[in-house]
């Protein structure tokens, strides 16, 4: 039986005056970075981690154009061992921005990290962001990265990422959870692997969601915590695609367990407002540190710039640790399989930067 959400998660979804003012100014083309603070409501949060490292001297344009060299080849996972892959070599950070980003992702992580990709609004590239972050980190590290589709209502991550070598999902894992939990060492990897799918290049694993919506009733907080603990025993980076229901105990449990919040949005009023509302909700639920250290990811759904992109980026910089804009890529337009290897070089570089910004606090 799912636990009831407590009153901390109750909040009106009416747009506040500051948000309407921001959108009006953006649409009229009159906003500037100095205009983004209203009545002192949003000063830059003081976070336990420093602001994001300025990896690039110039911003990424929505179409991905930039006079920079493509990222150098990165270490790939051993295709014959998709779980453990090659050993990762750790080096000092070079001055070159691209190599610096790569080295951030290659750093040894003292303990596993959970990255929660969240926005209650649908169609804001949560699944795409979850998959491409896992693919980017996995392609650099070569091992220990998983993407989990924790969407309660028929999430599509399992359909869009990973080889369909079997039809098993989170439902099958939970049915056998006690048995899998009671194994250890290489046996644990082998047991868990029966429930996972793998990227075509072996760079990351996928734990697919269940298509039957009635199964959501079995994802109570205790079970979600057990699954996360199991994944922490086998993976270094756990990317979780969350659902759209902030009142769900499942959604709340993932956010409470997250080390890094990634706020996904597209340059649309409804998507950005919902993201902002979610941050207010988390603040009021006592998760202000998670909010202050969040990374906002703005995905461009078209190759043409939108008047909102700069204003939304400026706004979310006042709310979260960093904002990263990732460009449009025709390889992602169809909504079908997400193949990291098919992305344009500029898109790969943007996702490399995004992943490095997310992982930067843990690589210092």
Protein backbone atom coordinates (compact mmCIF):
# COMPACT_ATOMS: atom_id res chain seq x y z
CA UNK A 1 0.00 0.00 0.00
CA UNK A 2 1.52 3.32 -1.05
CA UNK A 3 2.20 5.79 1.71
CA UNK A 4 0.28 9.03 1.63
CA UNK A 5 2.14 12.19 0.76
CA UNK A 6 2.37 14.64 3.64
CA UNK A 7 1.30 18.28 3.67
CA UNK A 8 4.78 19.54 2.78
CA UNK A 9 4.06 18.71 -0.85
CA UNK A 10 0.81 20.71 -1.09
CA UNK A 11 1.21 23.94 -3.02
CA UNK A 12 -0.87 26.06 -5.37
CA UNK A 13 0.09 25.83 -9.05
CA UNK A 14 -1.01 29.40 -9.82
CA UNK A 15 1.76 31.38 -11.58
CA UNK A 16 3.20 34.00 -9.20
CA UNK A 17 3.41 37.61 -10.31
CA UNK A 18 7.18 37.48 -10.74
CA UNK A 19 6.84 34.61 -13.24
CA UNK A 20 4.25 36.36 -15.37
CA UNK A 21 6.42 39.47 -15.33
CA UNK A 22 9.42 37.47 -16.52
CA UNK A 23 7.51 35.93 -19.41
CA UNK A 24 6.00 39.24 -20.48
CA UNK A 25 9.42 40.85 -20.55
CA UNK A 26 10.93 37.97 -22.49
CA UNK A 27 8.22 37.97 -25.12
CA UNK A 28 8.56 41.72 -25.53
CA UNK A 29 12.32 41.37 -25.82
CA UNK A 30 13.03 43.86 -23.05
CA UNK A 31 14.60 41.73 -20.36
CA UNK A 32 18.22 41.80 -19.35
CA UNK A 33 20.16 39.83 -16.74
CA UNK A 34 19.78 42.67 -14.24
CA UNK A 35 15.99 42.51 -14.60
CA UNK A 36 15.69 38.91 -13.50
CA UNK A 37 15.48 39.46 -9.73
CA UNK A 38 12.11 40.62 -8.52
CA UNK A 39 11.66 42.29 -5.14
CA UNK A 40 14.70 40.42 -3.85
CA UNK A 41 12.70 37.17 -3.99
CA UNK A 42 15.38 35.27 -5.87
CA UNK A 43 18.89 36.06 -4.90
CA UNK A 44 21.49 33.58 -6.00
CA UNK A 45 21.33 30.69 -3.51
CA UNK A 46 24.27 30.05 -1.26
CA UNK A 47 25.25 26.46 -1.97
CA UNK A 48 27.74 24.18 -0.27
CA UNK A 49 29.33 23.63 -3.68
CA UNK A 50 30.92 26.42 -5.74
CA UNK A 51 29.17 27.62 -8.91
CA UNK A 52 29.69 25.56 -12.03
CA UNK A 53 33.14 25.74 -13.56
CA UNK A 54 33.17 27.92 -16.74
CA UNK A 55 34.22 25.20 -19.17
CA UNK A 56 33.46 27.31 -22.24
CA UNK A 57 34.27 30.91 -23.04
CA UNK A 58 31.18 31.43 -25.20
CA UNK A 59 27.64 30.09 -24.76
CA UNK A 60 26.16 27.26 -26.77
CA UNK A 61 23.72 28.48 -29.42
CA UNK A 62 20.39 26.67 -29.82
CA UNK A 63 21.44 25.22 -33.19
CA UNK A 64 24.69 23.92 -31.73
CA UNK A 65 26.92 26.14 -33.88
CA UNK A 66 30.25 27.04 -32.31
CA UNK A 67 33.77 27.48 -33.72
CA UNK A 68 35.25 24.84 -31.44
CA UNK A 69 36.94 21.57 -32.22
CA UNK A 70 35.02 18.35 -31.71
CA UNK A 71 35.64 16.42 -28.55
CA UNK A 72 38.49 13.92 -28.83
CA UNK A 73 37.75 10.21 -28.84
CA UNK A 74 36.86 8.84 -25.43
CA UNK A 75 37.33 5.44 -23.88
CA UNK A 76 34.54 3.00 -24.77
CA UNK A 77 33.26 0.12 -22.73
CA UNK A 78 34.41 -3.40 -23.45
CA UNK A 79 31.54 -4.83 -25.58
CA UNK A 80 32.10 -8.25 -24.03
CA UNK A 81 31.64 -7.00 -20.48
CA UNK A 82 28.89 -4.38 -20.41
CA UNK A 83 28.72 -4.32 -16.62
CA UNK A 84 32.31 -3.86 -15.55
CA UNK A 85 34.11 -2.56 -18.65
CA UNK A 86 37.75 -1.48 -18.69
CA UNK A 87 39.58 0.03 -15.79
CA UNK A 88 39.27 3.81 -15.62
CA UNK A 89 42.50 5.79 -15.49
CA UNK A 90 42.48 8.92 -13.35
CA UNK A 91 44.67 11.84 -14.34
CA UNK A 92 45.17 15.45 -13.34
CA UNK A 93 42.91 17.94 -15.08
CA UNK A 94 44.38 19.52 -18.23
CA UNK A 95 43.83 23.14 -19.22
CA UNK A 96 41.95 22.28 -22.43
CA UNK A 97 38.19 22.70 -21.73
CA UNK A 98 37.17 19.50 -23.51
CA UNK A 99 39.80 17.40 -21.79
CA UNK A 100 38.89 19.06 -18.51
CA UNK A 101 35.27 17.97 -18.93
CA UNK A 102 36.37 14.44 -19.78
CA UNK A 103 38.59 14.29 -16.71
CA UNK A 104 35.75 15.46 -14.48
CA UNK A 105 33.71 12.48 -15.63
CA UNK A 106 36.65 10.11 -15.21
CA UNK A 107 37.33 11.03 -11.61
CA UNK A 108 36.89 8.36 -8.99
CA UNK A 109 33.57 8.77 -7.17
CA UNK A 110 33.87 8.01 -3.44
CA UNK A 111 30.32 6.69 -3.29
CA UNK A 112 27.54 6.17 -5.87
CA UNK A 113 25.55 9.21 -6.95
CA UNK A 114 21.84 9.40 -7.82
CA UNK A 115 20.93 11.97 -10.48
CA UNK A 116 17.18 12.71 -10.57
CA UNK A 117 15.82 14.26 -13.78
CA UNK A 118 12.62 16.06 -12.90
CA UNK A 119 9.89 18.37 -14.12
CA UNK A 120 6.20 17.55 -13.50
CA UNK A 121 5.38 18.75 -17.00
CA UNK A 122 5.40 16.08 -19.70
CA UNK A 123 7.23 16.51 -22.99
CA UNK A 124 10.18 18.41 -21.51
CA UNK A 125 12.89 15.94 -22.55
CA UNK A 126 13.27 14.18 -19.19
CA UNK A 127 13.74 10.81 -20.87
CA UNK A 128 16.08 12.21 -23.50
CA UNK A 129 18.15 13.97 -20.85
CA UNK A 130 18.31 10.88 -18.66
CA UNK A 131 19.46 8.66 -21.51
CA UNK A 132 21.98 11.08 -23.00
CA UNK A 133 23.49 11.89 -19.62
CA UNK A 134 23.92 8.18 -18.90
CA UNK A 135 25.33 7.63 -22.39
CA UNK A 136 27.77 10.52 -22.08
CA UNK A 137 29.06 9.58 -18.65
CA UNK A 138 29.16 5.91 -19.59
CA UNK A 139 31.08 6.54 -22.80
CA UNK A 140 33.77 8.34 -20.80
CA UNK A 141 33.90 6.09 -17.73
CA UNK A 142 33.29 2.85 -19.59
CA UNK A 143 31.40 1.22 -16.73
CA UNK A 144 29.08 1.62 -13.78
CA UNK A 145 26.32 3.84 -15.23
CA UNK A 146 22.62 3.01 -15.33
CA UNK A 147 19.44 4.77 -16.48
CA UNK A 148 16.29 3.82 -14.56
CA UNK A 149 12.83 4.62 -15.88
CA UNK A 150 10.91 5.39 -12.69
CA UNK A 151 7.97 6.96 -14.49
CA UNK A 152 4.78 5.54 -13.01
CA UNK A 153 2.61 5.98 -16.09
CA UNK A 154 4.11 3.96 -18.92
CA UNK A 155 7.48 5.61 -19.26
CA UNK A 156 9.22 5.15 -22.60
CA UNK A 157 12.87 5.03 -21.56
CA UNK A 158 13.03 1.25 -21.86
CA UNK A 159 11.67 1.48 -25.41
CA UNK A 160 13.94 4.30 -26.53
CA UNK A 161 17.22 3.16 -24.98
CA UNK A 162 18.99 -0.14 -24.59
CA UNK A 163 18.79 -3.34 -26.58
CA UNK A 164 15.52 -5.23 -26.26
CA UNK A 165 17.24 -8.52 -25.40
CA UNK A 166 14.35 -9.40 -23.09
CA UNK A 167 11.04 -7.94 -21.91
CA UNK A 168 11.82 -7.84 -18.20
CA UNK A 169 11.18 -4.58 -16.34
CA UNK A 170 11.27 -3.18 -12.83
CA UNK A 171 8.21 -5.33 -12.07
CA UNK A 172 10.19 -8.53 -12.60
CA UNK A 173 13.10 -7.25 -10.53
CA UNK A 174 10.83 -6.37 -7.61
CA UNK A 175 9.23 -9.80 -7.76
CA UNK A 176 12.69 -11.31 -7.22
CA UNK A 177 14.12 -8.47 -5.14
CA UNK A 178 14.78 -10.47 -1.97
CA UNK A 179 16.73 -13.12 -3.88
CA UNK A 180 18.83 -10.55 -5.77
CA UNK A 181 19.48 -8.49 -2.63
CA UNK A 182 20.87 -11.54 -0.86
CA UNK A 183 23.65 -12.10 -3.41
CA UNK A 184 27.00 -10.33 -3.46
CA UNK A 185 30.18 -9.89 -5.48
CA UNK A 186 30.16 -11.01 -9.09
CA UNK A 187 27.07 -13.11 -8.42
CA UNK A 188 25.17 -9.90 -7.72
CA UNK A 189 26.22 -8.43 -11.07
CA UNK A 190 25.17 -11.61 -12.83
CA UNK A 191 21.83 -11.81 -11.03
CA UNK A 192 20.94 -8.16 -11.61
CA UNK A 193 22.03 -8.33 -15.24
CA UNK A 194 19.12 -10.64 -15.97
CA UNK A 195 16.78 -7.66 -15.46
CA UNK A 196 18.80 -5.01 -17.30
CA UNK A 197 19.10 -3.95 -20.90
CA UNK A 198 22.28 -2.49 -22.35
CA UNK A 199 23.18 0.36 -24.67
CA UNK A 200 24.24 -0.74 -28.13
CA UNK A 201 27.85 0.25 -27.39
CA UNK A 202 27.80 -1.19 -23.86
CA UNK A 203 28.39 2.20 -22.24
CA UNK A 204 25.44 2.10 -19.81
CA UNK A 205 22.69 -0.15 -18.53
CA UNK A 206 18.92 0.36 -18.54
CA UNK A 207 16.33 -0.66 -15.97
CA UNK A 208 13.08 -0.36 -17.88
CA UNK A 209 9.82 0.82 -16.35
CA UNK A 210 6.62 -1.18 -16.28
CA UNK A 211 3.93 -0.41 -18.85
CA UNK A 212 1.05 -1.55 -16.65
CA UNK A 213 -0.03 1.57 -14.67
CA UNK A 214 -1.48 -0.58 -11.89
CA UNK A 215 2.05 -1.64 -10.99
CA UNK A 216 2.71 1.88 -9.63
CA UNK A 217 0.85 0.90 -6.47
CA UNK A 218 3.67 -1.51 -5.64
CA UNK A 219 6.37 1.17 -5.89
CA UNK A 220 6.00 2.35 -2.32
CA UNK A 221 8.80 4.37 -0.69
CA UNK A 222 10.34 1.36 1.03
CA UNK A 223 10.57 -0.57 -2.24
CA UNK A 224 12.00 2.41 -4.12
CA UNK A 225 14.68 2.83 -1.46
CA UNK A 226 15.56 -0.86 -1.71
CA UNK A 227 15.92 -0.64 -5.49
CA UNK A 228 18.13 2.43 -5.21
CA UNK A 229 20.31 0.73 -2.60
CA UNK A 230 20.65 -2.31 -4.87
CA UNK A 231 21.71 -0.14 -7.81
CA UNK A 232 24.22 1.67 -5.59
CA UNK A 233 25.88 -1.67 -4.93
CA UNK A 234 26.50 -2.26 -8.63
CA UNK A 235 26.77 1.19 -10.27
CA UNK A 236 28.59 4.45 -9.65
CA UNK A 237 26.10 6.78 -11.37
CA UNK A 238 22.33 6.18 -11.32
CA UNK A 239 20.31 8.42 -13.65
CA UNK A 240 16.61 8.33 -12.76
CA UNK A 241 13.87 9.46 -15.14
CA UNK A 242 11.12 10.59 -12.75
CA UNK A 243 7.41 10.82 -13.46
CA UNK A 244 5.02 13.76 -13.54
CA UNK A 245 3.14 13.32 -10.26
CA UNK A 246 4.76 15.31 -7.45
CA UNK A 247 2.20 13.91 -4.99
CA UNK A 248 3.37 10.37 -5.64
CA UNK A 249 5.35 8.88 -2.74
CA UNK A 250 7.50 7.21 -5.39
CA UNK A 251 8.45 10.57 -6.96
CA UNK A 252 9.09 12.12 -3.56
CA UNK A 253 11.27 9.22 -2.43
CA UNK A 254 13.53 9.51 -5.47
CA UNK A 255 13.93 13.26 -4.96
CA UNK A 256 14.72 12.77 -1.27
CA UNK A 257 17.38 10.18 -2.18
CA UNK A 258 18.93 12.22 -4.99
CA UNK A 259 22.45 13.59 -4.75
CA UNK A 260 21.95 15.80 -7.81
CA UNK A 261 18.72 17.30 -9.14
CA UNK A 262 18.60 17.99 -12.87
CA UNK A 263 15.69 20.24 -13.86
CA UNK A 264 14.75 19.62 -17.47
CA UNK A 265 12.79 22.08 -19.57
CA UNK A 266 12.24 23.37 -23.06
CA UNK A 267 11.85 27.08 -23.90
CA UNK A 268 8.07 27.13 -23.43
CA UNK A 269 6.10 29.08 -20.85
CA UNK A 270 4.22 26.10 -19.42
CA UNK A 271 7.31 23.90 -19.17
CA UNK A 272 9.48 26.54 -17.53
CA UNK A 273 6.77 27.68 -15.12
CA UNK A 274 6.17 24.09 -13.99
CA UNK A 275 9.89 23.65 -13.37
CA UNK A 276 9.96 26.86 -11.32
CA UNK A 277 6.88 25.77 -9.37
CA UNK A 278 8.54 22.42 -8.64
CA UNK A 279 11.60 24.20 -7.23
CA UNK A 280 9.34 26.23 -4.92
CA UNK A 281 7.65 23.01 -3.83
CA UNK A 282 10.97 21.34 -3.04
CA UNK A 283 12.17 24.43 -1.18
CA UNK A 284 9.08 24.40 1.01
CA UNK A 285 9.45 20.65 1.60
CA UNK A 286 12.84 21.29 3.22
CA UNK A 287 14.94 20.32 0.20
CA UNK A 288 16.44 23.75 -0.34
CA UNK A 289 20.00 22.42 -0.55
CA UNK A 290 19.01 20.05 -3.36
CA UNK A 291 17.42 23.00 -5.18
CA UNK A 292 20.39 25.32 -4.66
CA UNK A 293 22.76 22.73 -6.11
CA UNK A 294 20.48 21.71 -8.99
CA UNK A 295 21.44 22.00 -12.64
CA UNK A 296 18.87 23.35 -15.09
CA UNK A 297 18.96 21.77 -18.53
CA UNK A 298 17.26 23.73 -21.33
CA UNK A 299 16.76 21.61 -24.45
CA UNK A 300 16.09 23.27 -27.80
CA UNK A 301 13.35 21.34 -29.66
CA UNK A 302 13.87 23.26 -32.93
CA UNK A 303 16.93 24.59 -34.78
CA UNK A 304 15.65 28.16 -34.55
CA UNK A 305 16.37 30.35 -31.51
CA UNK A 306 13.44 31.37 -29.33
CA UNK A 307 13.14 34.72 -27.55
CA UNK A 308 12.59 32.89 -24.27
CA UNK A 309 15.84 30.94 -24.12
CA UNK A 310 18.13 33.67 -22.81
CA UNK A 311 15.57 34.97 -20.32
CA UNK A 312 14.77 31.53 -18.97
CA UNK A 313 18.48 30.75 -18.67
CA UNK A 314 18.99 33.97 -16.75
CA UNK A 315 16.06 33.25 -14.48
CA UNK A 316 17.09 29.71 -13.60
CA UNK A 317 20.63 30.86 -12.89
CA UNK A 318 19.15 32.73 -9.94
CA UNK A 319 17.52 29.54 -8.69
CA UNK A 320 19.99 26.74 -9.42
CA UNK A 321 23.73 26.19 -9.39
CA UNK A 322 24.07 26.20 -13.18
CA UNK A 323 22.14 26.33 -16.44
CA UNK A 324 23.18 24.41 -19.54
CA UNK A 325 21.57 24.83 -22.96
CA UNK A 326 21.72 21.80 -25.26
CA UNK A 327 21.06 22.27 -28.98
CA UNK A 328 18.51 20.80 -31.31
CA UNK A 329 19.62 17.64 -33.08
CA UNK A 330 17.64 16.01 -35.91
CA UNK A 331 18.64 12.57 -34.63
CA UNK A 332 16.40 13.16 -31.60
CA UNK A 333 13.40 14.63 -33.39
CA UNK A 334 11.49 11.46 -34.18
CA UNK A 335 11.06 10.40 -30.57
CA UNK A 336 12.21 6.88 -31.42
CA UNK A 337 15.42 5.20 -30.29
CA UNK A 338 17.98 7.48 -28.68
CA UNK A 339 21.38 6.62 -30.13
CA UNK A 340 24.26 8.61 -28.69
CA UNK A 341 26.54 7.62 -31.57
CA UNK A 342 24.18 9.26 -34.09
CA UNK A 343 24.38 12.73 -32.53
CA UNK A 344 26.18 15.60 -34.24
CA UNK A 345 29.61 16.51 -32.79
CA UNK A 346 28.25 19.81 -31.43
CA UNK A 347 25.44 17.96 -29.67
CA UNK A 348 27.86 15.48 -28.12
CA UNK A 349 30.00 18.34 -26.90
CA UNK A 350 26.97 20.05 -25.34
CA UNK A 351 26.02 16.87 -23.50
CA UNK A 352 29.63 16.39 -22.42
CA UNK A 353 29.53 19.86 -20.90
CA UNK A 354 26.13 19.20 -19.29
CA UNK A 355 27.31 15.94 -17.73
CA UNK A 356 30.53 17.55 -16.49
CA UNK A 357 28.56 20.36 -14.83
CA UNK A 358 26.32 17.79 -13.12
CA UNK A 359 29.23 15.71 -11.83
CA UNK A 360 31.64 18.56 -11.10
CA UNK A 361 30.89 18.84 -7.34
CA UNK A 362 31.80 15.19 -6.87
CA UNK A 363 35.08 15.37 -8.80
CA UNK A 364 36.76 18.08 -6.72
